[in-house]
Amino acid sequence: KLSEEIQRKYEVLTQLNEELDEKCVQIKEIELDKQKVEEKQANLKEFEAQLLSKQAEIEERTQETQKREELVKVKEEERRVKDEQADLEIEKRVATVKVEEEKLLKSQLKLKKEEEKIKSDSRELREKRKKLE
């Protein structure tokens, strides 16, 4: 009877030992899983840091590109204004030349009229001289 009791207790202890071994294996598996999760979290944080760095780099490049584009626009506008100023200067010179041409034409016309008057006066004087002779 005592031997049966010992046998039964031995079996219970053996079963408890097996359950304990299983629990230890499960705990080790959980610890390994936990370690893997922690590694993945660390990798994820590192990836997030790299991503933020890349985003900052992209933002910086975008700003540089926008500045370059703005500078190009400003330079194009400056060129356009200079071209307009040059066109206006040419128009001004052309207008000045036209005014001078008109003045010259008027002067030439006056001179021609005076020349005709002189010729006419000269004819008259010649005719009067002929009559007097």
Protein backbone atom coordinates (compact mmCIF):
# COMPACT_ATOMS: atom_id res chain seq x y z
CA LYS A 1 0.00 0.00 0.00
CA LEU A 2 2.83 2.34 0.80
CA SER A 3 4.53 1.41 -2.41
CA GLU A 4 1.37 2.25 -4.36
CA GLU A 5 1.23 5.59 -2.62
CA ILE A 6 4.88 6.23 -3.47
CA GLN A 7 4.28 5.03 -7.01
CA ARG A 8 1.30 7.38 -7.35
CA LYS A 9 3.24 10.29 -5.91
CA TYR A 10 6.17 9.46 -8.17
CA GLU A 11 3.85 9.53 -11.19
CA VAL A 12 2.35 12.84 -10.05
CA LEU A 13 5.83 14.26 -9.53
CA THR A 14 6.93 12.97 -12.91
CA GLN A 15 3.86 14.52 -14.53
CA LEU A 16 4.47 17.82 -12.68
CA ASN A 17 8.11 17.68 -13.75
CA GLU A 18 7.09 17.18 -17.38
CA GLU A 19 4.62 20.07 -17.11
CA LEU A 20 7.34 22.18 -15.52
CA ASP A 21 9.72 21.28 -18.36
CA GLU A 22 7.02 22.23 -20.89
CA LYS A 23 6.43 25.51 -19.06
CA CYS A 24 10.20 26.20 -19.08
CA VAL A 25 10.32 25.51 -22.82
CA GLN A 26 7.31 27.79 -23.30
CA ILE A 27 8.97 30.51 -21.19
CA LYS A 28 12.18 30.20 -23.23
CA GLU A 29 10.14 30.40 -26.46
CA ILE A 30 8.33 33.46 -25.11
CA GLU A 31 11.66 35.02 -24.13
CA LEU A 32 13.03 34.31 -27.62
CA ASP A 33 9.88 35.76 -29.18
CA LYS A 34 10.18 38.78 -26.88
CA GLN A 35 13.83 39.20 -27.92
CA LYS A 36 12.85 38.96 -31.59
CA VAL A 37 10.12 41.56 -31.06
CA GLU A 38 12.59 43.85 -29.31
CA GLU A 39 15.06 43.41 -32.18
CA LYS A 40 12.33 44.15 -34.70
CA GLN A 41 11.32 47.24 -32.69
CA ALA A 42 14.95 48.39 -32.64
CA ASN A 43 15.19 47.78 -36.40
CA LEU A 44 11.92 49.64 -36.88
CA LYS A 45 13.20 52.61 -34.86
CA GLU A 46 16.40 52.62 -36.89
CA PHE A 47 14.36 52.46 -40.09
CA GLU A 48 12.14 55.31 -38.85
CA ALA A 49 15.26 57.36 -38.08
CA GLN A 50 16.61 56.67 -41.59
CA LEU A 51 13.22 57.56 -43.05
CA LEU A 52 13.13 60.85 -41.14
CA SER A 53 16.67 61.59 -42.30
CA LYS A 54 15.69 60.87 -45.92
CA GLN A 55 12.57 63.03 -45.56
CA ALA A 56 14.68 65.88 -44.20
CA GLU A 57 17.14 65.44 -47.06
CA ILE A 58 14.28 65.43 -49.60
CA GLU A 59 12.78 68.53 -47.99
CA GLU A 60 16.17 70.28 -48.13
CA ARG A 61 16.61 69.33 -51.80
CA THR A 62 13.07 70.48 -52.54
CA GLN A 63 13.77 73.84 -50.92
CA GLU A 64 17.05 74.17 -52.84
CA THR A 65 15.23 73.32 -56.07
CA GLN A 66 12.51 75.87 -55.30
CA LYS A 67 15.18 78.50 -54.58
CA ARG A 68 16.93 77.71 -57.87
CA GLU A 69 13.61 77.86 -59.75
CA GLU A 70 12.79 81.17 -58.08
CA LEU A 71 16.25 82.51 -58.96
CA VAL A 72 15.75 81.44 -62.58
CA LYS A 73 12.37 83.22 -62.63
CA VAL A 74 13.93 86.37 -61.17
CA LYS A 75 16.74 86.30 -63.74
CA GLU A 76 14.24 85.75 -66.56
CA GLU A 77 12.20 88.69 -65.28
CA GLU A 78 15.34 90.85 -65.08
CA ARG A 79 16.20 89.90 -68.68
CA ARG A 80 12.65 90.67 -69.80
CA VAL A 81 12.77 94.08 -68.10
CA LYS A 82 16.18 94.83 -69.66
CA ASP A 83 14.84 93.81 -73.07
CA GLU A 84 11.81 96.06 -72.58
CA GLN A 85 14.08 98.93 -71.52
CA ALA A 86 16.26 98.37 -74.60
CA ASP A 87 13.13 98.32 -76.82
CA LEU A 88 11.90 101.54 -75.22
CA GLU A 89 15.30 103.16 -75.71
CA ILE A 90 15.25 102.14 -79.39
CA GLU A 91 11.71 103.51 -79.78
CA LYS A 92 12.84 106.75 -78.13
CA ARG A 93 15.81 107.05 -80.50
CA VAL A 94 13.60 106.30 -83.51
CA ALA A 95 11.12 108.95 -82.37
CA THR A 96 13.98 111.43 -81.88
CA VAL A 97 15.34 110.66 -85.35
CA LYS A 98 11.86 111.14 -86.86
CA VAL A 99 11.49 114.51 -85.13
CA GLU A 100 14.93 115.53 -86.41
CA GLU A 101 14.00 114.34 -89.92
CA GLU A 102 10.81 116.41 -89.79
CA LYS A 103 12.80 119.46 -88.68
CA LEU A 104 15.26 118.90 -91.51
CA LEU A 105 12.45 118.51 -94.04
CA LYS A 106 10.85 121.73 -92.82
CA SER A 107 14.21 123.48 -93.02
CA GLN A 108 14.76 122.11 -96.53
CA LEU A 109 11.29 123.25 -97.53
CA LYS A 110 12.00 126.74 -96.14
CA LEU A 111 15.31 126.81 -97.95
CA LYS A 112 13.65 125.72 -101.19
CA LYS A 113 11.01 128.44 -100.83
CA GLU A 114 13.72 131.00 -100.12
CA GLU A 115 15.70 129.71 -103.10
CA GLU A 116 12.62 129.99 -105.33
CA LYS A 117 11.98 133.50 -103.98
CA ILE A 118 15.59 134.44 -104.66
CA LYS A 119 15.33 133.00 -108.19
CA SER A 120 12.08 134.84 -108.69
CA ASP A 121 13.56 138.07 -107.32
CA SER A 122 16.62 137.50 -109.48
CA ARG A 123 14.44 137.06 -112.59
CA GLU A 124 12.54 140.19 -111.78
CA LEU A 125 15.75 142.11 -111.28
CA ARG A 126 17.12 140.78 -114.59
CA GLU A 127 13.93 141.75 -116.34
CA LYS A 128 14.01 145.22 -114.78
CA ARG A 129 17.67 145.58 -115.75
CA LYS A 130 16.86 144.55 -119.32
CA LYS A 131 14.10 147.09 -119.42
CA LEU A 132 16.41 149.72 -118.07
CA GLU A 133 19.08 148.95 -120.61
